[in-house]
């Protein structure tokens, strides 16, 4: 029997890897071997996982800039990581992923991550940020350089 690839579950593993990496550099293979153990009836979408890890590391300042632009009342340095990572994942899918995922699907998946790993405040903040990104998508996509936020990094060690 062939295992089915689950993008939804791969997103959850991605979230957990990013969360772990916010505390210390995480080796992907060690993380997957110790955490995932390949015991499930589904497989990771490894191509998606690798591409997303690369995108998030390379474009973190853009994602932080998006948070800063659409949630300016919040200091990024003081935000909980569970509020930030769903934005990273959804914004990476919307702006940079080679495969086209409908923006609404990406936003809904980010909201589901908030429901699973955070609280109602995270859901509201992430929904606000991502829907504003979607409303301003063409302007942001056409000129990503202006949105950089250089003073802080979570993922890049």
N, C-alpha and C. Protein backbone atom coordinates (compact mmCIF):
# COMPACT_ATOMS: atom_id res chain seq x y z
N UNK A 1 0.83 -1.19 0.00
CA UNK A 1 0.00 0.00 0.00
C UNK A 1 0.88 1.26 0.00
N UNK A 2 0.62 2.15 -0.91
CA UNK A 2 1.35 3.40 -1.01
C UNK A 2 0.79 4.41 -0.01
N UNK A 3 1.69 5.07 0.67
CA UNK A 3 1.27 6.09 1.63
C UNK A 3 0.90 7.36 0.88
N UNK A 4 -0.10 8.03 1.37
CA UNK A 4 -0.55 9.29 0.79
C UNK A 4 0.26 10.44 1.38
N UNK A 5 0.65 11.38 0.55
CA UNK A 5 1.35 12.57 1.02
C UNK A 5 0.32 13.55 1.58
N UNK A 6 0.59 14.06 2.76
CA UNK A 6 -0.32 14.99 3.40
C UNK A 6 0.34 16.36 3.55
N UNK A 7 -0.13 17.32 2.78
CA UNK A 7 0.40 18.68 2.86
C UNK A 7 0.02 19.32 4.20
N UNK A 8 -1.21 19.09 4.65
CA UNK A 8 -1.67 19.65 5.91
C UNK A 8 -0.76 19.18 7.05
N UNK A 9 -0.49 17.92 7.11
CA UNK A 9 0.36 17.38 8.18
C UNK A 9 1.81 17.82 7.99
N UNK A 10 2.24 17.96 6.76
CA UNK A 10 3.60 18.45 6.51
C UNK A 10 3.73 19.88 7.02
N UNK A 11 2.69 20.70 6.86
CA UNK A 11 2.70 22.06 7.40
C UNK A 11 2.88 22.05 8.91
N UNK A 12 2.23 21.11 9.58
CA UNK A 12 2.36 21.01 11.04
C UNK A 12 3.79 20.65 11.43
N UNK A 13 4.40 19.73 10.69
CA UNK A 13 5.80 19.37 10.94
C UNK A 13 6.69 20.59 10.67
N UNK A 14 6.41 21.33 9.60
CA UNK A 14 7.16 22.54 9.30
C UNK A 14 7.06 23.54 10.45
N UNK A 15 5.86 23.77 10.93
CA UNK A 15 5.66 24.67 12.07
C UNK A 15 6.51 24.21 13.26
N UNK A 16 6.47 22.93 13.57
CA UNK A 16 7.20 22.41 14.71
C UNK A 16 8.71 22.50 14.52
N UNK A 17 9.18 22.29 13.29
CA UNK A 17 10.61 22.45 13.01
C UNK A 17 11.04 23.90 13.18
N UNK A 18 10.24 24.82 12.66
CA UNK A 18 10.56 26.24 12.80
C UNK A 18 10.53 26.66 14.26
N UNK A 19 9.56 26.16 15.00
CA UNK A 19 9.46 26.46 16.42
C UNK A 19 10.71 25.98 17.15
N UNK A 20 11.10 24.74 16.91
CA UNK A 20 12.30 24.19 17.55
C UNK A 20 13.53 24.99 17.14
N UNK A 21 13.58 25.38 15.87
CA UNK A 21 14.73 26.13 15.36
C UNK A 21 14.82 27.54 15.93
N UNK A 22 13.73 28.06 16.47
CA UNK A 22 13.77 29.39 17.07
C UNK A 22 14.56 29.38 18.38
N UNK A 23 14.78 28.19 18.94
CA UNK A 23 15.54 28.05 20.18
C UNK A 23 16.98 27.61 19.93
N UNK A 24 17.19 26.77 18.95
CA UNK A 24 18.53 26.27 18.61
C UNK A 24 18.49 25.73 17.19
N UNK A 25 19.61 25.75 16.52
CA UNK A 25 19.68 25.24 15.16
C UNK A 25 19.31 23.76 15.15
N UNK A 26 18.39 23.42 14.26
CA UNK A 26 17.87 22.06 14.20
C UNK A 26 18.29 21.43 12.88
N UNK A 27 18.86 20.24 12.96
CA UNK A 27 19.19 19.47 11.77
C UNK A 27 17.92 18.73 11.32
N UNK A 28 17.53 18.94 10.09
CA UNK A 28 16.27 18.39 9.58
C UNK A 28 16.20 16.87 9.73
N UNK A 29 17.25 16.17 9.33
CA UNK A 29 17.19 14.71 9.37
C UNK A 29 17.11 14.18 10.80
N UNK A 30 17.85 14.78 11.72
CA UNK A 30 17.79 14.37 13.12
C UNK A 30 16.40 14.66 13.69
N UNK A 31 15.86 15.84 13.36
CA UNK A 31 14.52 16.20 13.83
C UNK A 31 13.49 15.19 13.34
N UNK A 32 13.51 14.89 12.05
CA UNK A 32 12.52 13.97 11.50
C UNK A 32 12.70 12.55 12.05
N UNK A 33 13.95 12.12 12.19
CA UNK A 33 14.19 10.77 12.72
C UNK A 33 13.72 10.63 14.16
N UNK A 34 13.97 11.66 14.97
CA UNK A 34 13.61 11.55 16.38
C UNK A 34 12.15 11.88 16.65
N UNK A 35 11.60 12.77 15.86
CA UNK A 35 10.23 13.23 16.12
C UNK A 35 9.21 12.45 15.30
N UNK A 36 9.45 12.40 14.02
CA UNK A 36 8.47 11.87 13.09
C UNK A 36 8.49 10.35 13.04
N UNK A 37 9.65 9.78 13.05
CA UNK A 37 9.89 8.34 13.08
C UNK A 37 9.21 7.54 11.96
N UNK A 38 8.62 8.18 11.00
CA UNK A 38 8.06 7.54 9.82
C UNK A 38 7.08 6.41 10.16
N UNK A 39 6.32 6.57 11.20
CA UNK A 39 5.37 5.54 11.63
C UNK A 39 3.95 5.81 11.18
N UNK A 40 3.73 6.88 10.52
CA UNK A 40 2.37 7.26 10.20
C UNK A 40 1.91 6.64 8.89
N UNK A 41 0.64 6.70 8.66
CA UNK A 41 0.07 6.15 7.44
C UNK A 41 0.11 7.14 6.28
N UNK A 42 0.87 8.19 6.46
CA UNK A 42 1.02 9.20 5.42
C UNK A 42 2.48 9.60 5.36
N UNK A 43 2.88 10.17 4.25
CA UNK A 43 4.25 10.62 4.06
C UNK A 43 4.31 12.14 4.05
N UNK A 44 5.46 12.63 4.43
CA UNK A 44 5.72 14.06 4.31
C UNK A 44 5.84 14.44 2.85
N UNK A 45 5.47 15.67 2.56
CA UNK A 45 5.74 16.25 1.25
C UNK A 45 7.13 16.90 1.37
N UNK A 46 8.15 16.08 1.16
CA UNK A 46 9.52 16.55 1.42
C UNK A 46 9.95 17.67 0.48
N UNK A 47 9.49 17.64 -0.75
CA UNK A 47 9.83 18.71 -1.68
C UNK A 47 9.28 20.05 -1.15
N UNK A 48 8.04 20.05 -0.73
CA UNK A 48 7.41 21.24 -0.14
C UNK A 48 8.16 21.66 1.12
N UNK A 49 8.45 20.72 2.01
CA UNK A 49 9.13 21.01 3.26
C UNK A 49 10.49 21.66 3.00
N UNK A 50 11.28 21.09 2.12
CA UNK A 50 12.61 21.64 1.82
C UNK A 50 12.52 23.03 1.20
N UNK A 51 11.58 23.19 0.25
CA UNK A 51 11.43 24.50 -0.39
C UNK A 51 10.98 25.56 0.62
N UNK A 52 10.05 25.21 1.48
CA UNK A 52 9.56 26.16 2.48
C UNK A 52 10.65 26.54 3.48
N UNK A 53 11.43 25.58 3.95
CA UNK A 53 12.53 25.90 4.87
C UNK A 53 13.51 26.87 4.23
N UNK A 54 13.82 26.63 2.97
CA UNK A 54 14.73 27.52 2.24
C UNK A 54 14.14 28.92 2.07
N UNK A 55 12.88 28.99 1.66
CA UNK A 55 12.22 30.28 1.45
C UNK A 55 12.16 31.07 2.75
N UNK A 56 11.78 30.43 3.83
CA UNK A 56 11.62 31.14 5.10
C UNK A 56 12.96 31.66 5.60
N UNK A 57 13.99 30.86 5.46
CA UNK A 57 15.32 31.31 5.88
C UNK A 57 15.80 32.48 5.03
N UNK A 58 15.60 32.39 3.73
CA UNK A 58 16.09 33.44 2.81
C UNK A 58 15.31 34.74 2.91
N UNK A 59 14.00 34.66 3.16
CA UNK A 59 13.14 35.85 3.10
C UNK A 59 12.53 36.25 4.44
N UNK A 60 13.16 35.84 5.52
CA UNK A 60 12.61 36.13 6.84
C UNK A 60 12.37 37.63 7.05
N UNK A 61 13.28 38.46 6.57
CA UNK A 61 13.11 39.90 6.79
C UNK A 61 11.86 40.44 6.10
N UNK A 62 11.49 39.85 4.97
CA UNK A 62 10.25 40.25 4.29
C UNK A 62 9.04 39.89 5.15
N UNK A 63 9.04 38.69 5.71
CA UNK A 63 7.91 38.24 6.52
C UNK A 63 7.79 39.09 7.79
N UNK A 64 8.92 39.42 8.39
CA UNK A 64 8.90 40.30 9.56
C UNK A 64 8.40 41.70 9.18
N UNK A 65 8.78 42.15 7.99
CA UNK A 65 8.30 43.44 7.51
C UNK A 65 6.80 43.45 7.29
N UNK A 66 6.27 42.35 6.81
CA UNK A 66 4.82 42.24 6.62
C UNK A 66 4.11 42.31 7.97
N UNK A 67 4.63 41.59 8.96
CA UNK A 67 4.04 41.65 10.30
C UNK A 67 4.11 43.08 10.83
N UNK A 68 5.26 43.70 10.68
CA UNK A 68 5.44 45.07 11.16
C UNK A 68 4.49 46.04 10.46
N UNK A 69 4.30 45.86 9.16
CA UNK A 69 3.43 46.76 8.39
C UNK A 69 1.96 46.62 8.79
N UNK A 70 1.49 45.39 8.94
CA UNK A 70 0.07 45.16 9.16
C UNK A 70 -0.33 44.98 10.62
N UNK A 71 0.65 44.92 11.50
CA UNK A 71 0.36 44.86 12.95
C UNK A 71 1.35 45.77 13.67
N UNK A 72 1.34 47.07 13.33
CA UNK A 72 2.37 47.98 13.86
C UNK A 72 2.28 48.22 15.37
N UNK A 73 1.15 47.92 15.99
CA UNK A 73 1.02 48.12 17.43
C UNK A 73 1.82 47.10 18.23
N UNK A 74 2.17 46.01 17.57
CA UNK A 74 2.88 44.93 18.26
C UNK A 74 4.38 45.03 17.99
N UNK A 75 5.18 44.90 19.02
CA UNK A 75 6.62 44.83 18.85
C UNK A 75 6.97 43.39 18.50
N UNK A 76 7.58 43.21 17.35
CA UNK A 76 7.91 41.87 16.90
C UNK A 76 8.78 41.14 17.92
N UNK A 77 9.70 41.87 18.53
CA UNK A 77 10.61 41.28 19.51
C UNK A 77 9.86 40.71 20.71
N UNK A 78 8.65 41.18 20.95
CA UNK A 78 7.87 40.73 22.11
C UNK A 78 6.73 39.78 21.74
N UNK A 79 6.50 39.58 20.45
CA UNK A 79 5.43 38.68 20.01
C UNK A 79 5.82 37.23 20.27
N UNK A 80 4.83 36.45 20.62
CA UNK A 80 5.08 35.02 20.79
C UNK A 80 5.36 34.39 19.44
N UNK A 81 6.26 33.44 19.43
CA UNK A 81 6.66 32.77 18.20
C UNK A 81 5.47 32.07 17.53
N UNK A 82 4.50 31.63 18.33
CA UNK A 82 3.31 30.96 17.77
C UNK A 82 2.45 31.93 16.97
N UNK A 83 2.63 33.22 17.17
CA UNK A 83 1.91 34.23 16.40
C UNK A 83 2.63 34.51 15.08
N UNK A 84 3.93 34.35 15.08
CA UNK A 84 4.76 34.73 13.95
C UNK A 84 4.87 33.61 12.91
N UNK A 85 5.06 32.39 13.34
CA UNK A 85 5.32 31.30 12.41
C UNK A 85 4.19 31.03 11.41
N UNK A 86 2.91 31.10 11.79
CA UNK A 86 1.88 30.91 10.77
C UNK A 86 1.93 31.99 9.67
N UNK A 87 2.34 33.20 10.04
CA UNK A 87 2.50 34.26 9.03
C UNK A 87 3.65 33.91 8.10
N UNK A 88 4.77 33.47 8.65
CA UNK A 88 5.90 33.04 7.82
C UNK A 88 5.45 32.00 6.80
N UNK A 89 4.76 30.97 7.28
CA UNK A 89 4.38 29.85 6.41
C UNK A 89 3.41 30.31 5.32
N UNK A 90 2.38 31.03 5.70
CA UNK A 90 1.40 31.47 4.71
C UNK A 90 1.99 32.49 3.73
N UNK A 91 2.72 33.45 4.25
CA UNK A 91 3.32 34.47 3.37
C UNK A 91 4.33 33.82 2.42
N UNK A 92 5.08 32.84 2.90
CA UNK A 92 6.03 32.13 2.02
C UNK A 92 5.29 31.42 0.89
N UNK A 93 4.16 30.79 1.23
CA UNK A 93 3.37 30.12 0.19
C UNK A 93 2.81 31.13 -0.80
N UNK A 94 2.32 32.24 -0.29
CA UNK A 94 1.67 33.23 -1.16
C UNK A 94 2.67 33.97 -2.05
N UNK A 95 3.85 34.27 -1.52
CA UNK A 95 4.78 35.13 -2.24
C UNK A 95 5.87 34.39 -3.01
N UNK A 96 6.31 33.24 -2.53
CA UNK A 96 7.53 32.64 -3.08
C UNK A 96 7.44 31.19 -3.53
N UNK A 97 6.50 30.41 -3.03
CA UNK A 97 6.46 28.99 -3.35
C UNK A 97 6.26 28.78 -4.84
N UNK A 98 7.03 27.87 -5.43
CA UNK A 98 6.90 27.60 -6.87
C UNK A 98 5.52 27.06 -7.23
N UNK A 99 5.01 26.17 -6.41
CA UNK A 99 3.67 25.63 -6.63
C UNK A 99 2.65 26.69 -6.22
N UNK A 100 1.63 26.87 -7.02
CA UNK A 100 0.62 27.87 -6.68
C UNK A 100 -0.43 27.25 -5.76
N UNK A 101 -0.53 27.83 -4.57
CA UNK A 101 -1.55 27.44 -3.60
C UNK A 101 -2.50 28.64 -3.50
N UNK A 102 -3.79 28.44 -3.63
CA UNK A 102 -4.72 29.58 -3.49
C UNK A 102 -4.49 30.30 -2.15
N UNK A 103 -4.46 31.62 -2.20
CA UNK A 103 -4.17 32.42 -1.01
C UNK A 103 -5.14 32.11 0.13
N UNK A 104 -6.40 31.95 -0.19
CA UNK A 104 -7.39 31.66 0.86
C UNK A 104 -7.11 30.32 1.54
N UNK A 105 -6.64 29.35 0.78
CA UNK A 105 -6.27 28.05 1.36
C UNK A 105 -5.09 28.24 2.31
N UNK A 106 -4.11 28.98 1.86
CA UNK A 106 -2.93 29.24 2.68
C UNK A 106 -3.29 29.97 3.98
N UNK A 107 -4.16 30.96 3.87
CA UNK A 107 -4.60 31.70 5.06
C UNK A 107 -5.37 30.78 6.00
N UNK A 108 -6.28 29.98 5.45
CA UNK A 108 -7.05 29.06 6.29
C UNK A 108 -6.15 28.05 7.00
N UNK A 109 -5.12 27.58 6.31
CA UNK A 109 -4.18 26.64 6.93
C UNK A 109 -3.39 27.33 8.06
N UNK A 110 -3.05 28.60 7.88
CA UNK A 110 -2.36 29.35 8.93
C UNK A 110 -3.26 29.50 10.16
N UNK A 111 -4.52 29.76 9.92
CA UNK A 111 -5.48 29.88 11.02
C UNK A 111 -5.61 28.55 11.76
N UNK A 112 -5.60 27.46 11.02
CA UNK A 112 -5.65 26.13 11.65
C UNK A 112 -4.42 25.88 12.51
N UNK A 113 -3.26 26.33 12.05
CA UNK A 113 -2.04 26.20 12.87
C UNK A 113 -2.19 26.99 14.18
N UNK A 114 -2.78 28.18 14.08
CA UNK A 114 -3.03 28.98 15.29
C UNK A 114 -3.95 28.25 16.25
N UNK A 115 -5.00 27.67 15.71
CA UNK A 115 -5.95 26.94 16.56
C UNK A 115 -5.28 25.76 17.26
N UNK A 116 -4.38 25.10 16.56
CA UNK A 116 -3.73 23.91 17.12
C UNK A 116 -2.61 24.27 18.10
N UNK A 117 -1.82 25.30 17.79
CA UNK A 117 -0.60 25.55 18.55
C UNK A 117 -0.61 26.84 19.37
N UNK A 118 -1.68 27.61 19.31
CA UNK A 118 -1.67 28.88 20.03
C UNK A 118 -3.04 29.18 20.62
N UNK A 119 -3.40 30.46 20.63
CA UNK A 119 -4.65 30.86 21.27
C UNK A 119 -5.50 31.70 20.31
N UNK A 120 -6.64 32.14 20.81
CA UNK A 120 -7.57 32.89 19.96
C UNK A 120 -6.98 34.23 19.52
N UNK A 121 -6.16 34.83 20.36
CA UNK A 121 -5.51 36.10 19.98
C UNK A 121 -4.61 35.90 18.76
N UNK A 122 -3.87 34.80 18.75
CA UNK A 122 -3.01 34.51 17.60
C UNK A 122 -3.85 34.37 16.34
N UNK A 123 -4.96 33.65 16.46
CA UNK A 123 -5.83 33.46 15.30
C UNK A 123 -6.28 34.79 14.73
N UNK A 124 -6.68 35.70 15.62
CA UNK A 124 -7.17 37.01 15.17
C UNK A 124 -6.05 37.84 14.54
N UNK A 125 -4.90 37.86 15.18
CA UNK A 125 -3.77 38.66 14.66
C UNK A 125 -3.29 38.11 13.33
N UNK A 126 -3.11 36.80 13.25
CA UNK A 126 -2.64 36.18 12.01
C UNK A 126 -3.66 36.39 10.89
N UNK A 127 -4.93 36.23 11.19
CA UNK A 127 -5.98 36.47 10.20
C UNK A 127 -5.93 37.91 9.69
N UNK A 128 -5.77 38.86 10.59
CA UNK A 128 -5.69 40.28 10.23
C UNK A 128 -4.50 40.54 9.31
N UNK A 129 -3.33 40.06 9.71
CA UNK A 129 -2.11 40.29 8.93
C UNK A 129 -2.23 39.67 7.55
N UNK A 130 -2.65 38.42 7.48
CA UNK A 130 -2.68 37.72 6.19
C UNK A 130 -3.78 38.23 5.27
N UNK A 131 -4.92 38.61 5.81
CA UNK A 131 -5.95 39.18 4.95
C UNK A 131 -5.53 40.55 4.42
N UNK A 132 -4.80 41.32 5.22
CA UNK A 132 -4.27 42.59 4.71
C UNK A 132 -3.18 42.36 3.67
N UNK A 133 -2.38 41.33 3.86
CA UNK A 133 -1.40 40.96 2.83
C UNK A 133 -2.13 40.63 1.53
N UNK A 134 -3.19 39.85 1.62
CA UNK A 134 -3.95 39.49 0.43
C UNK A 134 -4.57 40.71 -0.25
N UNK A 135 -5.14 41.64 0.55
CA UNK A 135 -5.73 42.86 -0.02
C UNK A 135 -4.70 43.72 -0.73
N UNK A 136 -3.48 43.72 -0.24
CA UNK A 136 -2.41 44.55 -0.80
C UNK A 136 -1.40 43.73 -1.59
N UNK A 137 -1.81 42.54 -2.00
CA UNK A 137 -0.90 41.57 -2.58
C UNK A 137 -0.15 42.10 -3.80
N UNK A 138 -0.85 42.70 -4.73
CA UNK A 138 -0.20 43.16 -5.96
C UNK A 138 0.88 44.20 -5.68
N UNK A 139 0.58 45.15 -4.79
CA UNK A 139 1.58 46.18 -4.45
C UNK A 139 2.78 45.57 -3.74
N UNK A 140 2.53 44.64 -2.82
CA UNK A 140 3.62 44.03 -2.07
C UNK A 140 4.44 43.12 -2.97
N UNK A 141 3.79 42.32 -3.77
CA UNK A 141 4.49 41.39 -4.67
C UNK A 141 5.35 42.13 -5.68
N UNK A 142 4.91 43.30 -6.13
CA UNK A 142 5.66 44.03 -7.15
C UNK A 142 6.92 44.70 -6.58
N UNK A 143 6.96 44.96 -5.29
CA UNK A 143 8.12 45.62 -4.71
C UNK A 143 8.37 45.14 -3.28
N UNK A 144 9.00 43.98 -3.16
CA UNK A 144 9.24 43.40 -1.84
C UNK A 144 10.39 44.08 -1.09
N UNK A 145 11.22 44.83 -1.77
CA UNK A 145 12.38 45.45 -1.11
C UNK A 145 11.99 46.48 -0.06
N UNK A 146 10.90 47.20 -0.25
CA UNK A 146 10.53 48.25 0.69
C UNK A 146 10.04 47.71 2.02
N UNK A 147 9.70 46.43 2.08
CA UNK A 147 9.06 45.90 3.27
C UNK A 147 10.04 45.21 4.23
N UNK A 148 11.30 45.34 4.00
CA UNK A 148 12.29 44.69 4.84
C UNK A 148 12.27 45.26 6.26
N UNK A 149 12.48 44.36 7.20
CA UNK A 149 12.55 44.72 8.62
C UNK A 149 13.86 44.13 9.13
N UNK A 150 14.90 44.93 9.21
CA UNK A 150 16.26 44.43 9.38
C UNK A 150 16.70 44.20 10.83
N UNK A 151 15.97 44.68 11.81
CA UNK A 151 16.48 44.72 13.17
C UNK A 151 16.29 43.44 13.97
N UNK A 152 15.66 42.43 13.45
CA UNK A 152 15.31 41.28 14.26
C UNK A 152 15.28 40.01 13.41
N UNK A 153 15.64 38.90 14.01
CA UNK A 153 15.61 37.63 13.32
C UNK A 153 15.21 36.54 14.30
N UNK A 154 14.37 35.66 13.88
CA UNK A 154 13.97 34.51 14.69
C UNK A 154 14.61 33.25 14.16
N UNK A 155 14.49 33.06 12.87
CA UNK A 155 14.88 31.81 12.24
C UNK A 155 16.37 31.76 11.92
N UNK A 156 16.91 32.84 11.44
CA UNK A 156 18.30 32.85 10.98
C UNK A 156 19.21 32.95 12.19
N UNK A 157 20.06 31.97 12.35
CA UNK A 157 21.01 31.93 13.47
C UNK A 157 22.39 32.30 12.99
